[in-house]
Amino acid sequence: MIPQAKHVEEVIVAKSVSLRTGRTFATVTAAKEHFSRILDDREPKQQFGEDDLADVRAVYEDYCARTGWALKSLPASFYPTHDRGPSYTTRCFGVTFEDGTTGSFSMDKALRAIAA
């Protein structure tokens, strides 16, 4: 007698994103679309307003915590910027810290890291 392979149905569950601000997204894609819109609605270096600032800060701080990235100084502001390297330029989120240093981060990577 030859054993029959069992049919196993694999269910793929979309990961959701919940922010400490209370904002939730059913999928990472929905969160990416939201943050892409707020990024595109601002000029480079124009700081985000109160509601958007709270959400961007929540994503950034949770991303740093989830990936074990120690913050030497707290974020003071967030804004659209361009990250440049050899053969590329990409629009992304910039951050200025309380100590005056600056940086940037990928919202897509951050959202994937904090999704549950």
Protein backbone atom coordinates (compact mmCIF):
# COMPACT_ATOMS: atom_id res chain seq x y z
CA MET A 1 0.00 0.00 0.00
CA ILE A 2 1.37 3.41 -1.00
CA PRO A 3 0.79 6.23 1.49
CA GLN A 4 -1.26 9.08 0.10
CA ALA A 5 -0.01 12.62 0.48
CA LYS A 6 -2.31 14.68 2.62
CA HIS A 7 -3.57 17.90 1.14
CA VAL A 8 -2.57 20.66 3.50
CA GLU A 9 -4.15 24.02 2.93
CA GLU A 10 -1.87 26.85 3.85
CA VAL A 11 -3.55 29.95 5.14
CA ILE A 12 -1.63 33.17 4.75
CA VAL A 13 -2.64 35.75 7.29
CA ALA A 14 -1.84 39.36 6.54
CA LYS A 15 0.14 41.10 9.25
CA SER A 16 -1.40 44.18 10.78
CA VAL A 17 0.21 47.32 12.15
CA SER A 18 -0.94 48.89 15.43
CA LEU A 19 0.62 52.11 16.63
CA ARG A 20 0.79 53.33 20.22
CA THR A 21 -1.12 56.41 19.04
CA GLY A 22 -4.19 54.21 18.57
CA ARG A 23 -4.03 54.19 14.76
CA THR A 24 -4.24 50.70 13.27
CA PHE A 25 -3.88 49.27 9.79
CA ALA A 26 -5.31 45.91 8.74
CA THR A 27 -2.27 45.21 6.56
CA VAL A 28 1.29 46.39 6.13
CA THR A 29 0.31 47.47 2.61
CA ALA A 30 -2.41 49.75 4.00
CA ALA A 31 0.10 51.28 6.42
CA LYS A 32 2.65 51.80 3.62
CA GLU A 33 0.02 53.55 1.49
CA HIS A 34 -0.93 55.86 4.38
CA PHE A 35 2.66 56.88 5.14
CA SER A 36 3.47 57.24 1.45
CA ARG A 37 0.63 59.77 1.14
CA ILE A 38 1.80 61.84 4.09
CA LEU A 39 5.38 61.75 2.78
CA ASP A 40 4.24 62.93 -0.65
CA ASP A 41 2.04 65.69 0.83
CA ARG A 42 5.05 67.58 2.24
CA GLU A 43 7.95 69.40 0.68
CA PRO A 44 11.47 68.20 1.55
CA LYS A 45 12.52 69.30 5.05
CA GLN A 46 8.95 70.46 5.89
CA GLN A 47 8.27 68.97 9.32
CA PHE A 48 5.21 66.81 9.83
CA GLY A 49 2.24 68.26 11.70
CA GLU A 50 1.04 67.08 15.09
CA ASP A 51 -1.05 63.99 14.16
CA ASP A 52 1.32 62.76 11.46
CA LEU A 53 4.31 63.50 13.69
CA ALA A 54 2.89 61.31 16.48
CA ASP A 55 2.35 58.39 14.09
CA VAL A 56 5.77 58.69 12.43
CA ARG A 57 7.44 58.94 15.85
CA ALA A 58 5.56 55.85 17.06
CA VAL A 59 6.69 53.82 14.05
CA TYR A 60 10.30 55.01 14.35
CA GLU A 61 10.62 54.39 18.09
CA ASP A 62 8.96 50.96 17.87
CA TYR A 63 11.20 50.08 14.90
CA CYS A 64 14.32 51.03 16.87
CA ALA A 65 13.13 49.03 19.88
CA ARG A 66 12.20 45.98 17.78
CA THR A 67 15.56 45.93 15.99
CA GLY A 68 17.67 46.72 19.07
CA TRP A 69 18.80 50.11 17.73
CA ALA A 70 19.88 52.23 20.70
CA LEU A 71 18.93 55.88 20.41
CA LYS A 72 21.72 58.13 21.67
CA SER A 73 19.36 61.10 21.52
CA LEU A 74 15.57 61.33 21.27
CA PRO A 75 13.95 62.28 17.95
CA ALA A 76 12.93 65.95 17.87
CA SER A 77 11.35 66.15 14.39
CA PHE A 78 10.57 64.15 11.26
CA TYR A 79 10.30 65.37 7.67
CA PRO A 80 10.58 64.18 4.05
CA THR A 81 14.13 64.00 2.71
CA HIS A 82 16.16 62.33 -0.02
CA ASP A 83 18.62 59.56 0.71
CA ARG A 84 21.40 59.50 -1.87
CA GLY A 85 24.00 56.92 -2.67
CA PRO A 86 25.95 55.61 -5.64
CA SER A 87 23.48 55.45 -8.54
CA TYR A 88 20.33 56.15 -6.51
CA THR A 89 18.23 58.82 -4.87
CA THR A 90 15.13 57.89 -2.90
CA ARG A 91 12.57 59.91 -0.99
CA CYS A 92 12.37 58.79 2.62
CA PHE A 93 11.72 59.96 6.16
CA GLY A 94 14.33 62.19 7.77
CA VAL A 95 14.80 62.62 11.49
CA THR A 96 16.53 65.32 13.53
CA PHE A 97 17.50 64.37 17.06
CA GLU A 98 17.51 66.56 20.16
CA ASP A 99 21.33 66.68 20.05
CA GLY A 100 21.19 68.19 16.53
CA THR A 101 22.29 65.09 14.62
CA THR A 102 20.22 63.89 11.67
CA GLY A 103 19.41 60.61 9.98
CA SER A 104 16.90 58.94 7.73
CA PHE A 105 14.96 55.70 7.67
CA SER A 106 12.88 53.51 5.39
CA MET A 107 9.24 53.49 6.46
CA ASP A 108 8.69 50.26 4.50
CA LYS A 109 11.39 48.44 6.50
CA ALA A 110 10.11 49.93 9.75
CA LEU A 111 6.52 48.84 9.09
CA ARG A 112 7.57 45.29 8.18
CA ALA A 113 9.63 45.11 11.38
CA ILE A 114 6.82 46.20 13.71
CA ALA A 115 3.95 44.33 12.02
CA ALA A 116 2.29 41.58 14.05
